[in-house]
Amino acid sequence: MADHNAKPTMTIDEDFFQEPRFRPPQVLKICRVDRDNLLDWHRRELIPDARAGTKGRGHRRLYSVRDAIYINTVRILAEADAPLQ
């Protein structure tokens, strides 16, 4: 017999959040940031480096869902004039 008082559970697939899947133009659109801000935040190390595991020139950044959430959070803080260090 089913327990009708049991709380529903939700499982989260960590790989979904960590797997690189978005190219920079997609992240710019999803997070509503411009290219200059994104590059500046990378230079200032405010957001994770989406090039992990790649070497040499000409490599492409790929962002995960987690990266996009992080970038969006930085954008919100910047729009609120919060100090970004």
PDB file of N, CA and C in Angstrom:
ATOM      1  N   MET A   1       0.846  -1.172   0.000  1.00  0.00           N
ATOM      2  CA  MET A   1       0.000   0.000   0.000  1.00  0.00           C
ATOM      3  C   MET A   1       0.897   1.243   0.000  1.00  0.00           C
ATOM      4  N   ALA A   2       0.546   2.232  -0.781  1.00  0.00           N
ATOM      5  CA  ALA A   2       1.342   3.463  -0.917  1.00  0.00           C
ATOM      6  C   ALA A   2       1.151   4.337   0.313  1.00  0.00           C
ATOM      7  N   ASP A   3       2.231   4.966   0.698  1.00  0.00           N
ATOM      8  CA  ASP A   3       2.197   5.895   1.824  1.00  0.00           C
ATOM      9  C   ASP A   3       1.804   7.276   1.297  1.00  0.00           C
ATOM     10  N   HIS A   4       0.589   7.690   1.541  1.00  0.00           N
ATOM     11  CA  HIS A   4       0.092   8.966   1.019  1.00  0.00           C
ATOM     12  C   HIS A   4       0.657  10.166   1.770  1.00  0.00           C
ATOM     13  N   ASN A   5       1.302   9.921   2.895  1.00  0.00           N
ATOM     14  CA  ASN A   5       1.900  11.006   3.671  1.00  0.00           C
ATOM     15  C   ASN A   5       3.364  11.249   3.305  1.00  0.00           C
ATOM     16  N   ALA A   6       3.915  10.392   2.452  1.00  0.00           N
ATOM     17  CA  ALA A   6       5.325  10.523   2.080  1.00  0.00           C
ATOM     18  C   ALA A   6       5.510  11.784   1.227  1.00  0.00           C
ATOM     19  N   LYS A   7       6.588  12.502   1.524  1.00  0.00           N
ATOM     20  CA  LYS A   7       6.893  13.708   0.760  1.00  0.00           C
ATOM     21  C   LYS A   7       7.555  13.305  -0.555  1.00  0.00           C
ATOM     22  N   PRO A   8       7.198  13.989  -1.634  1.00  0.00           N
ATOM     23  CA  PRO A   8       7.851  13.674  -2.905  1.00  0.00           C
ATOM     24  C   PRO A   8       9.333  14.043  -2.848  1.00  0.00           C
ATOM     25  N   THR A   9      10.129  13.251  -3.494  1.00  0.00           N
ATOM     26  CA  THR A   9      11.558  13.543  -3.532  1.00  0.00           C
ATOM     27  C   THR A   9      11.956  13.914  -4.950  1.00  0.00           C
ATOM     28  N   MET A  10      12.987  14.717  -5.030  1.00  0.00           N
ATOM     29  CA  MET A  10      13.475  15.146  -6.328  1.00  0.00           C
ATOM     30  C   MET A  10      14.966  14.873  -6.371  1.00  0.00           C
ATOM     31  N   THR A  11      15.389  14.200  -7.402  1.00  0.00           N
ATOM     32  CA  THR A  11      16.811  13.951  -7.541  1.00  0.00           C
ATOM     33  C   THR A  11      17.377  14.926  -8.566  1.00  0.00           C
ATOM     34  N   ILE A  12      18.565  15.389  -8.301  1.00  0.00           N
ATOM     35  CA  ILE A  12      19.230  16.335  -9.186  1.00  0.00           C
ATOM     36  C   ILE A  12      20.448  15.660  -9.774  1.00  0.00           C
ATOM     37  N   ASP A  13      20.508  15.663 -11.076  1.00  0.00           N
ATOM     38  CA  ASP A  13      21.633  15.082 -11.783  1.00  0.00           C
ATOM     39  C   ASP A  13      22.752  16.131 -11.853  1.00  0.00           C
ATOM     40  N   GLU A  14      23.781  15.966 -11.052  1.00  0.00           N
ATOM     41  CA  GLU A  14      24.887  16.928 -11.009  1.00  0.00           C
ATOM     42  C   GLU A  14      25.562  17.089 -12.363  1.00  0.00           C
ATOM     43  N   ASP A  15      25.621  16.021 -13.138  1.00  0.00           N
ATOM     44  CA  ASP A  15      26.248  16.114 -14.458  1.00  0.00           C
ATOM     45  C   ASP A  15      25.520  17.108 -15.352  1.00  0.00           C
ATOM     46  N   PHE A  16      24.202  17.190 -15.216  1.00  0.00           N
ATOM     47  CA  PHE A  16      23.425  18.132 -16.015  1.00  0.00           C
ATOM     48  C   PHE A  16      23.903  19.557 -15.774  1.00  0.00           C
ATOM     49  N   PHE A  17      24.185  19.902 -14.522  1.00  0.00           N
ATOM     50  CA  PHE A  17      24.601  21.251 -14.179  1.00  0.00           C
ATOM     51  C   PHE A  17      26.060  21.531 -14.524  1.00  0.00           C
ATOM     52  N   GLN A  18      26.880  20.504 -14.565  1.00  0.00           N
ATOM     53  CA  GLN A  18      28.314  20.701 -14.760  1.00  0.00           C
ATOM     54  C   GLN A  18      28.799  20.461 -16.186  1.00  0.00           C
ATOM     55  N   GLU A  19      28.011  19.812 -16.999  1.00  0.00           N
ATOM     56  CA  GLU A  19      28.450  19.490 -18.360  1.00  0.00           C
ATOM     57  C   GLU A  19      28.492  20.748 -19.230  1.00  0.00           C
ATOM     58  N   PRO A  20      29.651  21.044 -19.829  1.00  0.00           N
ATOM     59  CA  PRO A  20      29.731  22.215 -20.709  1.00  0.00           C
ATOM     60  C   PRO A  20      28.815  22.035 -21.921  1.00  0.00           C
ATOM     61  N   ARG A  21      27.976  23.037 -22.165  1.00  0.00           N
ATOM     62  CA  ARG A  21      27.014  22.895 -23.250  1.00  0.00           C
ATOM     63  C   ARG A  21      26.715  24.183 -23.997  1.00  0.00           C
ATOM     64  N   PHE A  22      27.036  25.346 -23.423  1.00  0.00           N
ATOM     65  CA  PHE A  22      26.675  26.618 -24.046  1.00  0.00           C
ATOM     66  C   PHE A  22      27.899  27.347 -24.564  1.00  0.00           C
ATOM     67  N   ARG A  23      27.819  27.834 -25.790  1.00  0.00           N
ATOM     68  CA  ARG A  23      28.871  28.671 -26.368  1.00  0.00           C
ATOM     69  C   ARG A  23      28.654  30.110 -25.879  1.00  0.00           C
ATOM     70  N   PRO A  24      29.685  30.946 -25.966  1.00  0.00           N
ATOM     71  CA  PRO A  24      29.548  32.327 -25.470  1.00  0.00           C
ATOM     72  C   PRO A  24      28.327  33.092 -25.992  1.00  0.00           C
ATOM     73  N   PRO A  25      28.002  33.056 -27.299  1.00  0.00           N
ATOM     74  CA  PRO A  25      26.820  33.813 -27.734  1.00  0.00           C
ATOM     75  C   PRO A  25      25.525  33.376 -27.039  1.00  0.00           C
ATOM     76  N   GLN A  26      25.439  32.084 -26.741  1.00  0.00           N
ATOM     77  CA  GLN A  26      24.252  31.581 -26.045  1.00  0.00           C
ATOM     78  C   GLN A  26      24.200  32.101 -24.614  1.00  0.00           C
ATOM     79  N   VAL A  27      25.343  32.090 -23.943  1.00  0.00           N
ATOM     80  CA  VAL A  27      25.397  32.565 -22.557  1.00  0.00           C
ATOM     81  C   VAL A  27      25.100  34.063 -22.494  1.00  0.00           C
ATOM     82  N   LEU A  28      25.605  34.818 -23.459  1.00  0.00           N
ATOM     83  CA  LEU A  28      25.331  36.253 -23.487  1.00  0.00           C
ATOM     84  C   LEU A  28      23.827  36.506 -23.569  1.00  0.00           C
ATOM     85  N   LYS A  29      23.153  35.732 -24.382  1.00  0.00           N
ATOM     86  CA  LYS A  29      21.707  35.900 -24.541  1.00  0.00           C
ATOM     87  C   LYS A  29      20.945  35.399 -23.317  1.00  0.00           C
ATOM     88  N   ILE A  30      21.299  34.222 -22.829  1.00  0.00           N
ATOM     89  CA  ILE A  30      20.609  33.629 -21.678  1.00  0.00           C
ATOM     90  C   ILE A  30      20.735  34.528 -20.447  1.00  0.00           C
ATOM     91  N   CYS A  31      21.952  35.034 -20.222  1.00  0.00           N
ATOM     92  CA  CYS A  31      22.226  35.809 -19.004  1.00  0.00           C
ATOM     93  C   CYS A  31      22.039  37.319 -19.188  1.00  0.00           C
ATOM     94  N   ARG A  32      21.750  37.725 -20.409  1.00  0.00           N
ATOM     95  CA  ARG A  32      21.532  39.145 -20.718  1.00  0.00           C
ATOM     96  C   ARG A  32      22.720  40.007 -20.296  1.00  0.00           C
ATOM     97  N   VAL A  33      23.903  39.582 -20.707  1.00  0.00           N
ATOM     98  CA  VAL A  33      25.123  40.363 -20.466  1.00  0.00           C
ATOM     99  C   VAL A  33      25.779  40.658 -21.807  1.00  0.00           C
ATOM    100  N   ASP A  34      26.604  41.694 -21.829  1.00  0.00           N
ATOM    101  CA  ASP A  34      27.317  41.965 -23.074  1.00  0.00           C
ATOM    102  C   ASP A  34      28.709  41.347 -23.011  1.00  0.00           C
ATOM    103  N   ARG A  35      29.288  41.208 -24.175  1.00  0.00           N
ATOM    104  CA  ARG A  35      30.578  40.524 -24.324  1.00  0.00           C
ATOM    105  C   ARG A  35      31.664  41.180 -23.483  1.00  0.00           C
ATOM    106  N   ASP A  36      31.707  42.521 -23.485  1.00  0.00           N
ATOM    107  CA  ASP A  36      32.746  43.225 -22.726  1.00  0.00           C
ATOM    108  C   ASP A  36      32.666  42.929 -21.232  1.00  0.00           C
ATOM    109  N   ASN A  37      31.457  42.905 -20.680  1.00  0.00           N
ATOM    110  CA  ASN A  37      31.318  42.581 -19.256  1.00  0.00           C
ATOM    111  C   ASN A  37      31.759  41.156 -18.974  1.00  0.00           C
ATOM    112  N   LEU A  38      31.350  40.232 -19.836  1.00  0.00           N
ATOM    113  CA  LEU A  38      31.719  38.830 -19.622  1.00  0.00           C
ATOM    114  C   LEU A  38      33.236  38.662 -19.637  1.00  0.00           C
ATOM    115  N   LEU A  39      33.894  39.273 -20.612  1.00  0.00           N
ATOM    116  CA  LEU A  39      35.355  39.187 -20.688  1.00  0.00           C
ATOM    117  C   LEU A  39      36.013  39.859 -19.489  1.00  0.00           C
ATOM    118  N   ASP A  40      35.476  40.997 -19.059  1.00  0.00           N
ATOM    119  CA  ASP A  40      36.012  41.688 -17.893  1.00  0.00           C
ATOM    120  C   ASP A  40      35.879  40.818 -16.637  1.00  0.00           C
ATOM    121  N   TRP A  41      34.740  40.176 -16.481  1.00  0.00           N
ATOM    122  CA  TRP A  41      34.537  39.311 -15.317  1.00  0.00           C
ATOM    123  C   TRP A  41      35.479  38.118 -15.345  1.00  0.00           C
ATOM    124  N   HIS A  42      35.788  37.627 -16.537  1.00  0.00           N
ATOM    125  CA  HIS A  42      36.789  36.553 -16.648  1.00  0.00           C
ATOM    126  C   HIS A  42      38.164  37.078 -16.240  1.00  0.00           C
ATOM    127  N   ARG A  43      38.541  38.230 -16.744  1.00  0.00           N
ATOM    128  CA  ARG A  43      39.862  38.805 -16.404  1.00  0.00           C
ATOM    129  C   ARG A  43      39.997  39.050 -14.907  1.00  0.00           C
ATOM    130  N   ARG A  44      38.919  39.484 -14.297  1.00  0.00           N
ATOM    131  CA  ARG A  44      38.925  39.774 -12.857  1.00  0.00           C
ATOM    132  C   ARG A  44      38.683  38.535 -12.012  1.00  0.00           C
ATOM    133  N   GLU A  45      38.504  37.398 -12.674  1.00  0.00           N
ATOM    134  CA  GLU A  45      38.276  36.104 -12.018  1.00  0.00           C
ATOM    135  C   GLU A  45      37.034  36.116 -11.123  1.00  0.00           C
ATOM    136  N   LEU A  46      35.996  36.812 -11.575  1.00  0.00           N
ATOM    137  CA  LEU A  46      34.725  36.842 -10.851  1.00  0.00           C
ATOM    138  C   LEU A  46      33.845  35.658 -11.221  1.00  0.00           C
ATOM    139  N   ILE A  47      34.110  35.075 -12.374  1.00  0.00           N
ATOM    140  CA  ILE A  47      33.340  33.922 -12.827  1.00  0.00           C
ATOM    141  C   ILE A  47      34.312  32.801 -13.185  1.00  0.00           C
ATOM    142  N   PRO A  48      33.849  31.568 -13.137  1.00  0.00           N
ATOM    143  CA  PRO A  48      34.730  30.435 -13.431  1.00  0.00           C
ATOM    144  C   PRO A  48      35.251  30.479 -14.860  1.00  0.00           C
ATOM    145  N   ASP A  49      36.448  29.983 -15.048  1.00  0.00           N
ATOM    146  CA  ASP A  49      37.036  29.908 -16.380  1.00  0.00           C
ATOM    147  C   ASP A  49      36.416  28.728 -17.119  1.00  0.00           C
ATOM    148  N   ALA A  50      35.706  29.020 -18.182  1.00  0.00           N
ATOM    149  CA  ALA A  50      34.989  27.980 -18.929  1.00  0.00           C
ATOM    150  C   ALA A  50      35.891  27.260 -19.920  1.00  0.00           C
ATOM    151  N   ARG A  51      37.204  27.437 -19.780  1.00  0.00           N
ATOM    152  CA  ARG A  51      38.139  26.775 -20.685  1.00  0.00           C
ATOM    153  C   ARG A  51      38.868  25.641 -19.990  1.00  0.00           C
ATOM    154  N   ALA A  52      38.428  25.247 -18.846  1.00  0.00           N
ATOM    155  CA  ALA A  52      39.119  24.200 -18.089  1.00  0.00           C
ATOM    156  C   ALA A  52      39.306  22.952 -18.938  1.00  0.00           C
ATOM    157  N   GLY A  53      40.501  22.431 -18.913  1.00  0.00           N
ATOM    158  CA  GLY A  53      40.803  21.214 -19.651  1.00  0.00           C
ATOM    159  C   GLY A  53      41.237  21.453 -21.083  1.00  0.00           C
ATOM    160  N   THR A  54      41.274  22.707 -21.514  1.00  0.00           N
ATOM    161  CA  THR A  54      41.720  22.998 -22.875  1.00  0.00           C
ATOM    162  C   THR A  54      43.079  23.676 -22.813  1.00  0.00           C
ATOM    163  N   LYS A  55      43.841  23.545 -23.880  1.00  0.00           N
ATOM    164  CA  LYS A  55      45.172  24.133 -23.927  1.00  0.00           C
ATOM    165  C   LYS A  55      45.354  24.861 -25.237  1.00  0.00           C
ATOM    166  N   GLY A  56      46.252  25.831 -25.203  1.00  0.00           N
ATOM    167  CA  GLY A  56      46.657  26.497 -26.438  1.00  0.00           C
ATOM    168  C   GLY A  56      45.719  27.591 -26.884  1.00  0.00           C
ATOM    169  N   ARG A  57      46.118  28.213 -27.982  1.00  0.00           N
ATOM    170  CA  ARG A  57      45.336  29.306 -28.540  1.00  0.00           C
ATOM    171  C   ARG A  57      44.193  28.755 -29.388  1.00  0.00           C
ATOM    172  N   GLY A  58      43.190  29.567 -29.540  1.00  0.00           N
ATOM    173  CA  GLY A  58      42.080  29.188 -30.395  1.00  0.00           C
ATOM    174  C   GLY A  58      41.071  28.262 -29.743  1.00  0.00           C
ATOM    175  N   HIS A  59      41.205  28.025 -28.451  1.00  0.00           N
ATOM    176  CA  HIS A  59      40.237  27.168 -27.769  1.00  0.00           C
ATOM    177  C   HIS A  59      38.940  27.940 -27.558  1.00  0.00           C
ATOM    178  N   ARG A  60      37.893  27.246 -27.407  1.00  0.00           N
ATOM    179  CA  ARG A  60      36.570  27.842 -27.238  1.00  0.00           C
ATOM    180  C   ARG A  60      36.072  27.617 -25.822  1.00  0.00           C
ATOM    181  N   ARG A  61      35.476  28.647 -25.280  1.00  0.00           N
ATOM    182  CA  ARG A  61      34.843  28.484 -23.979  1.00  0.00           C
ATOM    183  C   ARG A  61      33.511  27.793 -24.175  1.00  0.00           C
ATOM    184  N   LEU A  62      33.210  26.898 -23.271  1.00  0.00           N
ATOM    185  CA  LEU A  62      31.892  26.275 -23.192  1.00  0.00           C
ATOM    186  C   LEU A  62      31.427  26.406 -21.754  1.00  0.00           C
ATOM    187  N   TYR A  63      30.219  26.856 -21.578  1.00  0.00           N
ATOM    188  CA  TYR A  63      29.681  27.121 -20.250  1.00  0.00           C
ATOM    189  C   TYR A  63      28.661  26.062 -19.862  1.00  0.00           C
ATOM    190  N   SER A  64      28.666  25.713 -18.604  1.00  0.00           N
ATOM    191  CA  SER A  64      27.691  24.770 -18.066  1.00  0.00           C
ATOM    192  C   SER A  64      26.483  25.552 -17.537  1.00  0.00           C
ATOM    193  N   VAL A  65      25.449  24.824 -17.149  1.00  0.00           N
ATOM    194  CA  VAL A  65      24.283  25.453 -16.525  1.00  0.00           C
ATOM    195  C   VAL A  65      24.733  26.160 -15.247  1.00  0.00           C
ATOM    196  N   ARG A  66      25.593  25.519 -14.497  1.00  0.00           N
ATOM    197  CA  ARG A  66      26.099  26.133 -13.265  1.00  0.00           C
ATOM    198  C   ARG A  66      26.841  27.437 -13.563  1.00  0.00           C
ATOM    199  N   ASP A  67      27.668  27.448 -14.613  1.00  0.00           N
ATOM    200  CA  ASP A  67      28.359  28.677 -15.013  1.00  0.00           C
ATOM    201  C   ASP A  67      27.360  29.773 -15.361  1.00  0.00           C
ATOM    202  N   ALA A  68      26.314  29.416 -16.106  1.00  0.00           N
ATOM    203  CA  ALA A  68      25.305  30.407 -16.499  1.00  0.00           C
ATOM    204  C   ALA A  68      24.597  30.992 -15.277  1.00  0.00           C
ATOM    205  N   ILE A  69      24.312  30.157 -14.300  1.00  0.00           N
ATOM    206  CA  ILE A  69      23.691  30.647 -13.062  1.00  0.00           C
ATOM    207  C   ILE A  69      24.639  31.608 -12.352  1.00  0.00           C
ATOM    208  N   TYR A  70      25.895  31.248 -12.307  1.00  0.00           N
ATOM    209  CA  TYR A  70      26.906  32.086 -11.658  1.00  0.00           C
ATOM    210  C   TYR A  70      27.031  33.433 -12.382  1.00  0.00           C
ATOM    211  N   ILE A  71      27.095  33.403 -13.715  1.00  0.00           N
ATOM    212  CA  ILE A  71      27.221  34.632 -14.503  1.00  0.00           C
ATOM    213  C   ILE A  71      25.995  35.519 -14.296  1.00  0.00           C
ATOM    214  N   ASN A  72      24.828  34.910 -14.288  1.00  0.00           N
ATOM    215  CA  ASN A  72      23.606  35.679 -14.071  1.00  0.00           C
ATOM    216  C   ASN A  72      23.599  36.317 -12.687  1.00  0.00           C
ATOM    217  N   THR A  73      24.095  35.605 -11.693  1.00  0.00           N
ATOM    218  CA  THR A  73      24.168  36.155 -10.341  1.00  0.00           C
ATOM    219  C   THR A  73      25.114  37.352 -10.288  1.00  0.00           C
ATOM    220  N   VAL A  74      26.254  37.251 -10.951  1.00  0.00           N
ATOM    221  CA  VAL A  74      27.195  38.375 -11.009  1.00  0.00           C
ATOM    222  C   VAL A  74      26.544  39.567 -11.707  1.00  0.00           C
ATOM    223  N   ARG A  75      25.797  39.308 -12.782  1.00  0.00           N
ATOM    224  CA  ARG A  75      25.101  40.398 -13.479  1.00  0.00           C
ATOM    225  C   ARG A  75      24.117  41.105 -12.558  1.00  0.00           C
ATOM    226  N   ILE A  76      23.343  40.335 -11.816  1.00  0.00           N
ATOM    227  CA  ILE A  76      22.361  40.914 -10.893  1.00  0.00           C
ATOM    228  C   ILE A  76      23.061  41.762  -9.837  1.00  0.00           C
ATOM    229  N   LEU A  77      24.163  41.255  -9.300  1.00  0.00           N
ATOM    230  CA  LEU A  77      24.917  42.018  -8.300  1.00  0.00           C
ATOM    231  C   LEU A  77      25.483  43.303  -8.907  1.00  0.00           C
ATOM    232  N   ALA A  78      25.993  43.207 -10.128  1.00  0.00           N
ATOM    233  CA  ALA A  78      26.548  44.395 -10.794  1.00  0.00           C
ATOM    234  C   ALA A  78      25.461  45.436 -11.041  1.00  0.00           C
ATOM    235  N   GLU A  79      24.285  44.997 -11.454  1.00  0.00           N
ATOM    236  CA  GLU A  79      23.185  45.926 -11.690  1.00  0.00           C
ATOM    237  C   GLU A  79      22.725  46.590 -10.406  1.00  0.00           C
ATOM    238  N   ALA A  80      22.916  45.917  -9.279  1.00  0.00           N
ATOM    239  CA  ALA A  80      22.548  46.473  -7.975  1.00  0.00           C
ATOM    240  C   ALA A  80      23.666  47.314  -7.382  1.00  0.00           C
ATOM    241  N   ASP A  81      24.723  47.536  -8.172  1.00  0.00           N
ATOM    242  CA  ASP A  81      25.893  48.302  -7.732  1.00  0.00           C
ATOM    243  C   ASP A  81      26.583  47.692  -6.512  1.00  0.00           C
ATOM    244  N   ALA A  82      26.487  46.382  -6.379  1.00  0.00           N
ATOM    245  CA  ALA A  82      27.209  45.691  -5.304  1.00  0.00           C
ATOM    246  C   ALA A  82      28.697  45.684  -5.679  1.00  0.00           C
ATOM    247  N   PRO A  83      29.578  45.820  -4.693  1.00  0.00           N
ATOM    248  CA  PRO A  83      31.002  45.791  -5.002  1.00  0.00           C
ATOM    249  C   PRO A  83      31.428  44.408  -5.477  1.00  0.00           C
ATOM    250  N   LEU A  84      32.026  44.345  -6.651  1.00  0.00           N
ATOM    251  CA  LEU A  84      32.514  43.087  -7.203  1.00  0.00           C
ATOM    252  C   LEU A  84      34.027  43.083  -7.062  1.00  0.00           C
ATOM    253  N   GLN A  85      34.535  42.101  -6.373  1.00  0.00           N
ATOM    254  CA  GLN A  85      35.985  42.060  -6.129  1.00  0.00           C
ATOM    255  C   GLN A  85      36.603  40.858  -6.767  1.00  0.00           C
TER     256      GLN A  85
END
